[in-house]
């Protein structure tokens, strides 16, 4: 008997919660529709003024100084060269791939000096 009464109370509670949710959703939907109607009334497009074309457009001269062209630097500055490779190559005994590095660096320096002199 108690179990039946408890089941009935639970069913009644669930029904009330479901009814409350449905009423809440209905109210929210009505509020949204009213808000949309109000916004549509407020957002009536209004005409914009035409710009004046009776005066010709005269651009103003810039007050900035013109840029000065510079020649690009394609070489590696001396302070950025790797000096540790040169020392390690000289210290090593026997043929190595690193021993060819100083000669290529010297060739690049010679080409750079020739370019400067021209």
PDB file of N, CA and C in Angstrom:
ATOM      1  N   UNK A   1       0.814  -1.191   0.000  1.00  0.00           N
ATOM      2  CA  UNK A   1       0.000   0.000   0.000  1.00  0.00           C
ATOM      3  C   UNK A   1       0.866   1.266   0.000  1.00  0.00           C
ATOM      4  N   UNK A   2       1.902   1.264   0.862  1.00  0.00           N
ATOM      5  CA  UNK A   2       2.787   2.429   0.912  1.00  0.00           C
ATOM      6  C   UNK A   2       3.554   2.592  -0.393  1.00  0.00           C
ATOM      7  N   UNK A   3       3.953   1.470  -0.964  1.00  0.00           N
ATOM      8  CA  UNK A   3       4.714   1.517  -2.208  1.00  0.00           C
ATOM      9  C   UNK A   3       3.876   2.129  -3.335  1.00  0.00           C
ATOM     10  N   UNK A   4       2.612   1.791  -3.405  1.00  0.00           N
ATOM     11  CA  UNK A   4       1.713   2.330  -4.431  1.00  0.00           C
ATOM     12  C   UNK A   4       1.526   3.833  -4.231  1.00  0.00           C
ATOM     13  N   UNK A   5       1.367   4.241  -2.970  1.00  0.00           N
ATOM     14  CA  UNK A   5       1.216   5.667  -2.675  1.00  0.00           C
ATOM     15  C   UNK A   5       2.496   6.441  -3.052  1.00  0.00           C
ATOM     16  N   UNK A   6       3.660   5.864  -2.720  1.00  0.00           N
ATOM     17  CA  UNK A   6       4.940   6.496  -3.068  1.00  0.00           C
ATOM     18  C   UNK A   6       5.105   6.615  -4.588  1.00  0.00           C
ATOM     19  N   UNK A   7       4.790   5.544  -5.323  1.00  0.00           N
ATOM     20  CA  UNK A   7       4.882   5.562  -6.790  1.00  0.00           C
ATOM     21  C   UNK A   7       3.941   6.623  -7.364  1.00  0.00           C
ATOM     22  N   UNK A   8       2.747   6.752  -6.762  1.00  0.00           N
ATOM     23  CA  UNK A   8       1.791   7.766  -7.223  1.00  0.00           C
ATOM     24  C   UNK A   8       2.338   9.183  -6.984  1.00  0.00           C
ATOM     25  N   UNK A   9       2.961   9.407  -5.818  1.00  0.00           N
ATOM     26  CA  UNK A   9       3.547  10.720  -5.513  1.00  0.00           C
ATOM     27  C   UNK A   9       4.687  11.050  -6.481  1.00  0.00           C
ATOM     28  N   UNK A  10       5.527  10.066  -6.767  1.00  0.00           N
ATOM     29  CA  UNK A  10       6.643  10.284  -7.693  1.00  0.00           C
ATOM     30  C   UNK A  10       6.108  10.620  -9.082  1.00  0.00           C
ATOM     31  N   UNK A  11       5.094   9.876  -9.539  1.00  0.00           N
ATOM     32  CA  UNK A  11       4.504  10.129 -10.856  1.00  0.00           C
ATOM     33  C   UNK A  11       3.887  11.521 -10.900  1.00  0.00           C
ATOM     34  N   UNK A  12       3.212  11.918  -9.824  1.00  0.00           N
ATOM     35  CA  UNK A  12       2.587  13.255  -9.757  1.00  0.00           C
ATOM     36  C   UNK A  12       3.659  14.351  -9.791  1.00  0.00           C
ATOM     37  N   UNK A  13       4.778  14.122  -9.091  1.00  0.00           N
ATOM     38  CA  UNK A  13       5.873  15.095  -9.059  1.00  0.00           C
ATOM     39  C   UNK A  13       6.495  15.246 -10.459  1.00  0.00           C
ATOM     40  N   UNK A  14       6.716  14.119 -11.132  1.00  0.00           N
ATOM     41  CA  UNK A  14       7.281  14.166 -12.488  1.00  0.00           C
ATOM     42  C   UNK A  14       6.346  14.885 -13.456  1.00  0.00           C
ATOM     43  N   UNK A  15       5.040  14.638 -13.310  1.00  0.00           N
ATOM     44  CA  UNK A  15       4.053  15.296 -14.174  1.00  0.00           C
ATOM     45  C   UNK A  15       4.074  16.808 -13.957  1.00  0.00           C
ATOM     46  N   UNK A  16       4.179  17.235 -12.681  1.00  0.00           N
ATOM     47  CA  UNK A  16       4.219  18.664 -12.376  1.00  0.00           C
ATOM     48  C   UNK A  16       5.494  19.312 -12.930  1.00  0.00           C
ATOM     49  N   UNK A  17       6.633  18.601 -12.802  1.00  0.00           N
ATOM     50  CA  UNK A  17       7.890  19.139 -13.329  1.00  0.00           C
ATOM     51  C   UNK A  17       7.816  19.279 -14.845  1.00  0.00           C
ATOM     52  N   UNK A  18       7.257  18.263 -15.495  1.00  0.00           N
ATOM     53  CA  UNK A  18       7.122  18.307 -16.963  1.00  0.00           C
ATOM     54  C   UNK A  18       6.200  19.450 -17.386  1.00  0.00           C
ATOM     55  N   UNK A  19       5.097  19.621 -16.651  1.00  0.00           N
ATOM     56  CA  UNK A  19       4.150  20.695 -16.955  1.00  0.00           C
ATOM     57  C   UNK A  19       4.810  22.058 -16.743  1.00  0.00           C
ATOM     58  N   UNK A  20       5.613  22.195 -15.672  1.00  0.00           N
ATOM     59  CA  UNK A  20       6.305  23.452 -15.388  1.00  0.00           C
ATOM     60  C   UNK A  20       7.298  23.779 -16.509  1.00  0.00           C
ATOM     61  N   UNK A  21       8.046  22.755 -16.974  1.00  0.00           N
ATOM     62  CA  UNK A  21       9.009  22.976 -18.053  1.00  0.00           C
ATOM     63  C   UNK A  21       8.311  23.406 -19.339  1.00  0.00           C
ATOM     64  N   UNK A  22       7.200  22.752 -19.654  1.00  0.00           N
ATOM     65  CA  UNK A  22       6.470  23.113 -20.879  1.00  0.00           C
ATOM     66  C   UNK A  22       5.947  24.544 -20.797  1.00  0.00           C
ATOM     67  N   UNK A  23       5.432  24.936 -19.633  1.00  0.00           N
ATOM     68  CA  UNK A  23       4.928  26.306 -19.451  1.00  0.00           C
ATOM     69  C   UNK A  23       6.062  27.318 -19.568  1.00  0.00           C
ATOM     70  N   UNK A  24       7.195  26.974 -18.993  1.00  0.00           N
ATOM     71  CA  UNK A  24       8.368  27.858 -19.057  1.00  0.00           C
ATOM     72  C   UNK A  24       8.835  28.034 -20.509  1.00  0.00           C
ATOM     73  N   UNK A  25       8.901  26.944 -21.279  1.00  0.00           N
ATOM     74  CA  UNK A  25       9.308  27.019 -22.687  1.00  0.00           C
ATOM     75  C   UNK A  25       8.320  27.844 -23.500  1.00  0.00           C
ATOM     76  N   UNK A  26       7.026  27.687 -23.219  1.00  0.00           N
ATOM     77  CA  UNK A  26       6.005  28.459 -23.927  1.00  0.00           C
ATOM     78  C   UNK A  26       6.158  29.949 -23.646  1.00  0.00           C
ATOM     79  N   UNK A  27       6.393  30.297 -22.367  1.00  0.00           N
ATOM     80  CA  UNK A  27       6.589  31.701 -21.998  1.00  0.00           C
ATOM     81  C   UNK A  27       7.838  32.275 -22.683  1.00  0.00           C
ATOM     82  N   UNK A  28       8.914  31.497 -22.704  1.00  0.00           N
ATOM     83  CA  UNK A  28      10.155  31.954 -23.320  1.00  0.00           C
ATOM     84  C   UNK A  28       9.959  32.163 -24.822  1.00  0.00           C
ATOM     85  N   UNK A  29       9.231  31.274 -25.456  1.00  0.00           N
ATOM     86  CA  UNK A  29       8.980  31.409 -26.889  1.00  0.00           C
ATOM     87  C   UNK A  29       8.143  32.660 -27.176  1.00  0.00           C
ATOM     88  N   UNK A  30       7.150  32.936 -26.353  1.00  0.00           N
ATOM     89  CA  UNK A  30       6.334  34.145 -26.526  1.00  0.00           C
ATOM     90  C   UNK A  30       7.182  35.408 -26.346  1.00  0.00           C
ATOM     91  N   UNK A  31       8.061  35.408 -25.336  1.00  0.00           N
ATOM     92  CA  UNK A  31       8.927  36.565 -25.110  1.00  0.00           C
ATOM     93  C   UNK A  31       9.859  36.803 -26.296  1.00  0.00           C
ATOM     94  N   UNK A  32      10.402  35.732 -26.850  1.00  0.00           N
ATOM     95  CA  UNK A  32      11.286  35.872 -28.006  1.00  0.00           C
ATOM     96  C   UNK A  32      10.535  36.431 -29.216  1.00  0.00           C
ATOM     97  N   UNK A  33       9.324  35.960 -29.438  1.00  0.00           N
ATOM     98  CA  UNK A  33       8.523  36.465 -30.561  1.00  0.00           C
ATOM     99  C   UNK A  33       8.211  37.944 -30.385  1.00  0.00           C
ATOM    100  N   UNK A  34       7.866  38.352 -29.156  1.00  0.00           N
ATOM    101  CA  UNK A  34       7.592  39.767 -28.896  1.00  0.00           C
ATOM    102  C   UNK A  34       8.851  40.609 -29.114  1.00  0.00           C
ATOM    103  N   UNK A  35      10.001  40.093 -28.695  1.00  0.00           N
ATOM    104  CA  UNK A  35      11.267  40.806 -28.882  1.00  0.00           C
ATOM    105  C   UNK A  35      11.576  40.963 -30.369  1.00  0.00           C
ATOM    106  N   UNK A  36      11.325  39.923 -31.142  1.00  0.00           N
ATOM    107  CA  UNK A  36      11.561  39.993 -32.593  1.00  0.00           C
ATOM    108  C   UNK A  36      10.640  41.025 -33.229  1.00  0.00           C
ATOM    109  N   UNK A  37       9.382  41.043 -32.840  1.00  0.00           N
ATOM    110  CA  UNK A  37       8.443  42.037 -33.382  1.00  0.00           C
ATOM    111  C   UNK A  37       8.902  43.451 -33.046  1.00  0.00           C
ATOM    112  N   UNK A  38       9.337  43.653 -31.797  1.00  0.00           N
ATOM    113  CA  UNK A  38       9.793  44.980 -31.376  1.00  0.00           C
ATOM    114  C   UNK A  38      11.031  45.409 -32.158  1.00  0.00           C
ATOM    115  N   UNK A  39      11.977  44.494 -32.340  1.00  0.00           N
ATOM    116  CA  UNK A  39      13.200  44.823 -33.088  1.00  0.00           C
ATOM    117  C   UNK A  39      12.898  45.135 -34.548  1.00  0.00           C
ATOM    118  N   UNK A  40      11.961  44.409 -35.129  1.00  0.00           N
ATOM    119  CA  UNK A  40      11.607  44.678 -36.531  1.00  0.00           C
ATOM    120  C   UNK A  40      10.984  46.060 -36.689  1.00  0.00           C
ATOM    121  N   UNK A  41      10.225  46.487 -35.694  1.00  0.00           N
ATOM    122  CA  UNK A  41       9.646  47.830 -35.764  1.00  0.00           C
ATOM    123  C   UNK A  41      10.719  48.898 -35.623  1.00  0.00           C
ATOM    124  N   UNK A  42      11.697  48.647 -34.747  1.00  0.00           N
ATOM    125  CA  UNK A  42      12.758  49.636 -34.520  1.00  0.00           C
ATOM    126  C   UNK A  42      13.741  49.708 -35.680  1.00  0.00           C
ATOM    127  N   UNK A  43      13.950  48.603 -36.348  1.00  0.00           N
ATOM    128  CA  UNK A  43      14.973  48.547 -37.380  1.00  0.00           C
ATOM    129  C   UNK A  43      14.444  48.842 -38.782  1.00  0.00           C
ATOM    130  N   UNK A  44      13.585  49.798 -38.867  1.00  0.00           N
ATOM    131  CA  UNK A  44      13.105  50.218 -40.187  1.00  0.00           C
ATOM    132  C   UNK A  44      14.238  50.973 -40.864  1.00  0.00           C
ATOM    133  N   UNK A  45      14.595  50.589 -42.093  1.00  0.00           N
ATOM    134  CA  UNK A  45      15.708  51.276 -42.761  1.00  0.00           C
ATOM    135  C   UNK A  45      15.367  52.744 -43.031  1.00  0.00           C
ATOM    136  N   UNK A  46      16.340  53.578 -42.786  1.00  0.00           N
ATOM    137  CA  UNK A  46      16.147  55.015 -42.991  1.00  0.00           C
ATOM    138  C   UNK A  46      17.073  55.482 -44.104  1.00  0.00           C
ATOM    139  N   UNK A  47      16.644  56.468 -44.840  1.00  0.00           N
ATOM    140  CA  UNK A  47      17.432  56.987 -45.952  1.00  0.00           C
ATOM    141  C   UNK A  47      18.658  57.724 -45.433  1.00  0.00           C
ATOM    142  N   UNK A  48      19.760  57.590 -46.172  1.00  0.00           N
ATOM    143  CA  UNK A  48      20.985  58.285 -45.814  1.00  0.00           C
ATOM    144  C   UNK A  48      21.211  59.444 -46.772  1.00  0.00           C
ATOM    145  N   UNK A  49      21.839  60.479 -46.264  1.00  0.00           N
ATOM    146  CA  UNK A  49      22.097  61.653 -47.086  1.00  0.00           C
ATOM    147  C   UNK A  49      23.104  61.334 -48.178  1.00  0.00           C
ATOM    148  N   UNK A  50      22.901  61.941 -49.333  1.00  0.00           N
ATOM    149  CA  UNK A  50      23.838  61.773 -50.446  1.00  0.00           C
ATOM    150  C   UNK A  50      25.058  62.655 -50.201  1.00  0.00           C
ATOM    151  N   UNK A  51      26.233  62.177 -50.561  1.00  0.00           N
ATOM    152  CA  UNK A  51      27.425  63.017 -50.412  1.00  0.00           C
ATOM    153  C   UNK A  51      27.411  64.158 -51.426  1.00  0.00           C
ATOM    154  N   UNK A  52      28.104  65.244 -51.079  1.00  0.00           N
ATOM    155  CA  UNK A  52      28.168  66.400 -51.967  1.00  0.00           C
ATOM    156  C   UNK A  52      29.231  66.159 -53.035  1.00  0.00           C
ATOM    157  N   UNK A  53      28.824  66.272 -54.300  1.00  0.00           N
ATOM    158  CA  UNK A  53      29.755  66.120 -55.410  1.00  0.00           C
ATOM    159  C   UNK A  53      29.981  67.442 -56.145  1.00  0.00           C
ATOM    160  N   UNK A  54      29.513  68.532 -55.581  1.00  0.00           N
ATOM    161  CA  UNK A  54      29.652  69.810 -56.273  1.00  0.00           C
ATOM    162  C   UNK A  54      31.082  70.361 -56.185  1.00  0.00           C
ATOM    163  N   UNK A  55      31.853  69.971 -55.169  1.00  0.00           N
ATOM    164  CA  UNK A  55      33.240  70.415 -55.055  1.00  0.00           C
ATOM    165  C   UNK A  55      34.160  69.291 -55.530  1.00  0.00           C
ATOM    166  N   UNK A  56      35.156  69.621 -56.337  1.00  0.00           N
ATOM    167  CA  UNK A  56      36.074  68.557 -56.775  1.00  0.00           C
ATOM    168  C   UNK A  56      36.987  68.131 -55.627  1.00  0.00           C
ATOM    169  N   UNK A  57      37.407  66.880 -55.672  1.00  0.00           N
ATOM    170  CA  UNK A  57      38.290  66.333 -54.641  1.00  0.00           C
ATOM    171  C   UNK A  57      39.725  66.737 -54.956  1.00  0.00           C
ATOM    172  N   UNK A  58      40.376  67.392 -53.984  1.00  0.00           N
ATOM    173  CA  UNK A  58      41.767  67.808 -54.152  1.00  0.00           C
ATOM    174  C   UNK A  58      42.582  67.131 -53.048  1.00  0.00           C
ATOM    175  N   UNK A  59      43.431  66.168 -53.417  1.00  0.00           N
ATOM    176  CA  UNK A  59      44.221  65.507 -52.378  1.00  0.00           C
ATOM    177  C   UNK A  59      45.284  66.426 -51.809  1.00  0.00           C
ATOM    178  N   UNK A  60      45.542  66.276 -50.511  1.00  0.00           N
ATOM    179  CA  UNK A  60      46.571  67.093 -49.874  1.00  0.00           C
ATOM    180  C   UNK A  60      47.929  66.425 -50.021  1.00  0.00           C
ATOM    181  N   UNK A  61      48.951  67.225 -50.104  1.00  0.00           N
ATOM    182  CA  UNK A  61      50.315  66.710 -50.215  1.00  0.00           C
ATOM    183  C   UNK A  61      50.750  66.165 -48.852  1.00  0.00           C
ATOM    184  N   UNK A  62      51.439  65.064 -48.870  1.00  0.00           N
ATOM    185  CA  UNK A  62      51.886  64.434 -47.635  1.00  0.00           C
ATOM    186  C   UNK A  62      52.997  65.261 -46.995  1.00  0.00           C
ATOM    187  N   UNK A  63      52.994  65.285 -45.669  1.00  0.00           N
ATOM    188  CA  UNK A  63      54.013  66.029 -44.945  1.00  0.00           C
ATOM    189  C   UNK A  63      55.228  65.160 -44.611  1.00  0.00           C
ATOM    190  N   UNK A  64      55.150  63.878 -44.888  1.00  0.00           N
ATOM    191  CA  UNK A  64      56.263  62.969 -44.598  1.00  0.00           C
ATOM    192  C   UNK A  64      57.366  63.138 -45.631  1.00  0.00           C
ATOM    193  N   UNK A  65      58.589  62.878 -45.187  1.00  0.00           N
ATOM    194  CA  UNK A  65      59.741  62.928 -46.090  1.00  0.00           C
ATOM    195  C   UNK A  65      59.742  61.668 -46.950  1.00  0.00           C
ATOM    196  N   UNK A  66      60.174  61.767 -48.208  1.00  0.00           N
ATOM    197  CA  UNK A  66      60.226  60.563 -49.034  1.00  0.00           C
ATOM    198  C   UNK A  66      61.308  59.604 -48.516  1.00  0.00           C
ATOM    199  N   UNK A  67      61.124  58.341 -48.786  1.00  0.00           N
ATOM    200  CA  UNK A  67      62.093  57.354 -48.298  1.00  0.00           C
ATOM    201  C   UNK A  67      63.365  57.410 -49.129  1.00  0.00           C
ATOM    202  N   UNK A  68      64.474  57.108 -48.474  1.00  0.00           N
ATOM    203  CA  UNK A  68      65.772  57.107 -49.146  1.00  0.00           C
ATOM    204  C   UNK A  68      66.105  55.665 -49.496  1.00  0.00           C
ATOM    205  N   UNK A  69      66.318  55.353 -50.777  1.00  0.00           N
ATOM    206  CA  UNK A  69      66.623  53.967 -51.127  1.00  0.00           C
ATOM    207  C   UNK A  69      68.001  53.565 -50.635  1.00  0.00           C
ATOM    208  N   UNK A  70      68.111  52.321 -50.181  1.00  0.00           N
ATOM    209  CA  UNK A  70      69.387  51.793 -49.712  1.00  0.00           C
ATOM    210  C   UNK A  70      69.679  50.517 -50.474  1.00  0.00           C
ATOM    211  N   UNK A  71      70.951  50.239 -50.632  1.00  0.00           N
ATOM    212  CA  UNK A  71      71.358  49.019 -51.301  1.00  0.00           C
ATOM    213  C   UNK A  71      71.253  47.863 -50.312  1.00  0.00           C
ATOM    214  N   UNK A  72      70.693  46.722 -50.731  1.00  0.00           N
ATOM    215  CA  UNK A  72      70.561  45.610 -49.796  1.00  0.00           C
ATOM    216  C   UNK A  72      71.917  44.999 -49.448  1.00  0.00           C
ATOM    217  N   UNK A  73      72.019  44.438 -48.253  1.00  0.00           N
ATOM    218  CA  UNK A  73      73.252  43.802 -47.802  1.00  0.00           C
ATOM    219  C   UNK A  73      73.091  42.293 -47.962  1.00  0.00           C
ATOM    220  N   UNK A  74      73.834  41.727 -48.916  1.00  0.00           N
ATOM    221  CA  UNK A  74      73.743  40.300 -49.169  1.00  0.00           C
ATOM    222  C   UNK A  74      74.843  39.501 -48.489  1.00  0.00           C
ATOM    223  N   UNK A  75      75.716  40.140 -47.765  1.00  0.00           N
ATOM    224  CA  UNK A  75      76.826  39.427 -47.130  1.00  0.00           C
ATOM    225  C   UNK A  75      76.522  39.189 -45.656  1.00  0.00           C
ATOM    226  N   UNK A  76      77.301  38.299 -45.062  1.00  0.00           N
ATOM    227  CA  UNK A  76      77.192  38.016 -43.638  1.00  0.00           C
ATOM    228  C   UNK A  76      78.181  38.918 -42.908  1.00  0.00           C
ATOM    229  N   UNK A  77      77.733  39.666 -41.920  1.00  0.00           N
ATOM    230  CA  UNK A  77      78.666  40.519 -41.179  1.00  0.00           C
ATOM    231  C   UNK A  77      79.744  39.676 -40.486  1.00  0.00           C
ATOM    232  N   UNK A  78      80.921  40.282 -40.268  1.00  0.00           N
ATOM    233  CA  UNK A  78      82.052  39.552 -39.684  1.00  0.00           C
ATOM    234  C   UNK A  78      81.745  39.013 -38.291  1.00  0.00           C
ATOM    235  N   UNK A  79      80.984  39.736 -37.488  1.00  0.00           N
ATOM    236  CA  UNK A  79      80.742  39.303 -36.121  1.00  0.00           C
ATOM    237  C   UNK A  79      79.785  38.103 -36.054  1.00  0.00           C
ATOM    238  N   UNK A  80      79.114  37.767 -37.151  1.00  0.00           N
ATOM    239  CA  UNK A  80      78.198  36.641 -37.142  1.00  0.00           C
ATOM    240  C   UNK A  80      78.834  35.364 -37.690  1.00  0.00           C
ATOM    241  N   UNK A  81      80.065  35.438 -38.161  1.00  0.00           N
ATOM    242  CA  UNK A  81      80.726  34.242 -38.677  1.00  0.00           C
ATOM    243  C   UNK A  81      81.070  33.308 -37.536  1.00  0.00           C
ATOM    244  N   UNK A  82      81.073  32.033 -37.844  1.00  0.00           N
ATOM    245  CA  UNK A  82      81.397  31.030 -36.838  1.00  0.00           C
ATOM    246  C   UNK A  82      82.909  30.825 -36.844  1.00  0.00           C
ATOM    247  N   UNK A  83      83.537  31.208 -35.752  1.00  0.00           N
ATOM    248  CA  UNK A  83      84.995  31.120 -35.666  1.00  0.00           C
ATOM    249  C   UNK A  83      85.437  29.791 -35.082  1.00  0.00           C
ATOM    250  N   UNK A  84      84.568  29.116 -34.360  1.00  0.00           N
ATOM    251  CA  UNK A  84      84.960  27.873 -33.714  1.00  0.00           C
ATOM    252  C   UNK A  84      85.267  26.792 -34.749  1.00  0.00           C
ATOM    253  N   UNK A  85      84.614  26.815 -35.899  1.00  0.00           N
ATOM    254  CA  UNK A  85      84.865  25.814 -36.937  1.00  0.00           C
ATOM    255  C   UNK A  85      86.271  25.968 -37.504  1.00  0.00           C
ATOM    256  N   UNK A  86      86.729  27.193 -37.672  1.00  0.00           N
ATOM    257  CA  UNK A  86      88.066  27.430 -38.212  1.00  0.00           C
ATOM    258  C   UNK A  86      89.129  26.850 -37.288  1.00  0.00           C
ATOM    259  N   UNK A  87      88.965  27.080 -36.005  1.00  0.00           N
ATOM    260  CA  UNK A  87      89.951  26.590 -35.047  1.00  0.00           C
ATOM    261  C   UNK A  87      89.937  25.069 -34.991  1.00  0.00           C
ATOM    262  N   UNK A  88      88.761  24.491 -34.981  1.00  0.00           N
ATOM    263  CA  UNK A  88      88.680  23.043 -34.881  1.00  0.00           C
ATOM    264  C   UNK A  88      89.209  22.383 -36.154  1.00  0.00           C
ATOM    265  N   UNK A  89      89.062  23.027 -37.291  1.00  0.00           N
ATOM    266  CA  UNK A  89      89.552  22.471 -38.544  1.00  0.00           C
ATOM    267  C   UNK A  89      91.080  22.478 -38.570  1.00  0.00           C
ATOM    268  N   UNK A  90      91.697  23.511 -38.046  1.00  0.00           N
ATOM    269  CA  UNK A  90      93.152  23.591 -38.035  1.00  0.00           C
ATOM    270  C   UNK A  90      93.745  22.613 -37.032  1.00  0.00           C
ATOM    271  N   UNK A  91      93.054  22.378 -35.942  1.00  0.00           N
ATOM    272  CA  UNK A  91      93.557  21.489 -34.910  1.00  0.00           C
ATOM    273  C   UNK A  91      93.463  20.023 -35.313  1.00  0.00           C
ATOM    274  N   UNK A  92      92.527  19.699 -36.214  1.00  0.00           N
ATOM    275  CA  UNK A  92      92.303  18.304 -36.586  1.00  0.00           C
ATOM    276  C   UNK A  92      93.422  17.813 -37.491  1.00  0.00           C
ATOM    277  N   UNK A  93      93.786  16.581 -37.322  1.00  0.00           N
ATOM    278  CA  UNK A  93      94.804  16.007 -38.197  1.00  0.00           C
ATOM    279  C   UNK A  93      94.129  15.020 -39.135  1.00  0.00           C
ATOM    280  N   UNK A  94      94.495  14.991 -40.385  1.00  0.00           N
ATOM    281  CA  UNK A  94      93.910  14.098 -41.365  1.00  0.00           C
ATOM    282  C   UNK A  94      92.824  14.793 -42.158  1.00  0.00           C
ATOM    283  N   UNK A  95      92.414  14.178 -43.286  1.00  0.00           N
ATOM    284  CA  UNK A  95      91.392  14.797 -44.135  1.00  0.00           C
ATOM    285  C   UNK A  95      90.023  14.775 -43.453  1.00  0.00           C
ATOM    286  N   UNK A  96      89.292  15.830 -43.613  1.00  0.00           N
ATOM    287  CA  UNK A  96      87.964  15.941 -43.024  1.00  0.00           C
ATOM    288  C   UNK A  96      87.117  16.842 -43.903  1.00  0.00           C
ATOM    289  N   UNK A  97      85.809  16.711 -43.780  1.00  0.00           N
ATOM    290  CA  UNK A  97      84.914  17.561 -44.560  1.00  0.00           C
ATOM    291  C   UNK A  97      84.924  18.985 -44.037  1.00  0.00           C
ATOM    292  N   UNK A  98      85.233  19.174 -42.768  1.00  0.00           N
ATOM    293  CA  UNK A  98      85.232  20.505 -42.187  1.00  0.00           C
ATOM    294  C   UNK A  98      86.440  21.322 -42.635  1.00  0.00           C
ATOM    295  N   UNK A  99      87.487  20.690 -43.123  1.00  0.00           N
ATOM    296  CA  UNK A  99      88.672  21.435 -43.531  1.00  0.00           C
ATOM    297  C   UNK A  99      88.408  22.251 -44.789  1.00  0.00           C
ATOM    298  N   UNK A 100      87.379  21.918 -45.539  1.00  0.00           N
ATOM    299  CA  UNK A 100      87.050  22.672 -46.751  1.00  0.00           C
ATOM    300  C   UNK A 100      86.290  23.954 -46.430  1.00  0.00           C
ATOM    301  N   UNK A 101      85.796  24.066 -45.241  1.00  0.00           N
ATOM    302  CA  UNK A 101      85.015  25.240 -44.851  1.00  0.00           C
ATOM    303  C   UNK A 101      85.816  26.533 -44.877  1.00  0.00           C
ATOM    304  N   UNK A 102      87.032  26.619 -44.339  1.00  0.00           N
ATOM    305  CA  UNK A 102      87.743  27.892 -44.357  1.00  0.00           C
ATOM    306  C   UNK A 102      88.023  28.391 -45.772  1.00  0.00           C
ATOM    307  N   UNK A 103      88.297  27.503 -46.701  1.00  0.00           N
ATOM    308  CA  UNK A 103      88.573  27.963 -48.060  1.00  0.00           C
ATOM    309  C   UNK A 103      87.323  28.567 -48.683  1.00  0.00           C
ATOM    310  N   UNK A 104      86.140  27.992 -48.413  1.00  0.00           N
ATOM    311  CA  UNK A 104      84.912  28.550 -48.973  1.00  0.00           C
ATOM    312  C   UNK A 104      84.603  29.903 -48.344  1.00  0.00           C
ATOM    313  N   UNK A 105      84.927  30.071 -47.068  1.00  0.00           N
ATOM    314  CA  UNK A 105      84.721  31.359 -46.407  1.00  0.00           C
ATOM    315  C   UNK A 105      85.669  32.397 -47.005  1.00  0.00           C
ATOM    316  N   UNK A 106      86.892  32.003 -47.243  1.00  0.00           N
ATOM    317  CA  UNK A 106      87.861  32.934 -47.837  1.00  0.00           C
ATOM    318  C   UNK A 106      87.441  33.329 -49.241  1.00  0.00           C
ATOM    319  N   UNK A 107      86.890  32.390 -50.013  1.00  0.00           N
ATOM    320  CA  UNK A 107      86.405  32.709 -51.354  1.00  0.00           C
ATOM    321  C   UNK A 107      85.263  33.721 -51.280  1.00  0.00           C
ATOM    322  N   UNK A 108      84.357  33.534 -50.326  1.00  0.00           N
ATOM    323  CA  UNK A 108      83.232  34.453 -50.178  1.00  0.00           C
ATOM    324  C   UNK A 108      83.730  35.847 -49.801  1.00  0.00           C
ATOM    325  N   UNK A 109      84.718  35.935 -48.926  1.00  0.00           N
ATOM    326  CA  UNK A 109      85.273  37.234 -48.555  1.00  0.00           C
ATOM    327  C   UNK A 109      85.926  37.909 -49.747  1.00  0.00           C
ATOM    328  N   UNK A 110      86.642  37.134 -50.573  1.00  0.00           N
ATOM    329  CA  UNK A 110      87.293  37.707 -51.750  1.00  0.00           C
ATOM    330  C   UNK A 110      86.254  38.233 -52.737  1.00  0.00           C
ATOM    331  N   UNK A 111      85.168  37.495 -52.940  1.00  0.00           N
ATOM    332  CA  UNK A 111      84.110  37.963 -53.839  1.00  0.00           C
ATOM    333  C   UNK A 111      83.471  39.248 -53.302  1.00  0.00           C
ATOM    334  N   UNK A 112      83.291  39.306 -51.990  1.00  0.00           N
ATOM    335  CA  UNK A 112      82.707  40.494 -51.385  1.00  0.00           C
ATOM    336  C   UNK A 112      83.617  41.704 -51.576  1.00  0.00           C
ATOM    337  N   UNK A 113      84.915  41.521 -51.380  1.00  0.00           N
ATOM    338  CA  UNK A 113      85.846  42.640 -51.544  1.00  0.00           C
ATOM    339  C   UNK A 113      85.901  43.102 -52.991  1.00  0.00           C
ATOM    340  N   UNK A 114      85.821  42.175 -53.938  1.00  0.00           N
ATOM    341  CA  UNK A 114      85.789  42.546 -55.361  1.00  0.00           C
ATOM    342  C   UNK A 114      84.548  43.353 -55.697  1.00  0.00           C
ATOM    343  N   UNK A 115      83.426  43.006 -55.100  1.00  0.00           N
ATOM    344  CA  UNK A 115      82.190  43.740 -55.360  1.00  0.00           C
ATOM    345  C   UNK A 115      82.278  45.176 -54.835  1.00  0.00           C
ATOM    346  N   UNK A 116      82.857  45.318 -53.655  1.00  0.00           N
ATOM    347  CA  UNK A 116      82.992  46.651 -53.062  1.00  0.00           C
ATOM    348  C   UNK A 116      83.872  47.538 -53.918  1.00  0.00           C
ATOM    349  N   UNK A 117      84.942  46.981 -54.450  1.00  0.00           N
ATOM    350  CA  UNK A 117      85.898  47.771 -55.259  1.00  0.00           C
ATOM    351  C   UNK A 117      85.308  48.165 -56.600  1.00  0.00           C
ATOM    352  N   UNK A 118      84.356  47.426 -57.114  1.00  0.00           N
ATOM    353  CA  UNK A 118      83.790  47.749 -58.432  1.00  0.00           C
ATOM    354  C   UNK A 118      82.873  48.915 -58.393  1.00  0.00           C
TER     355      UNK A 118
END
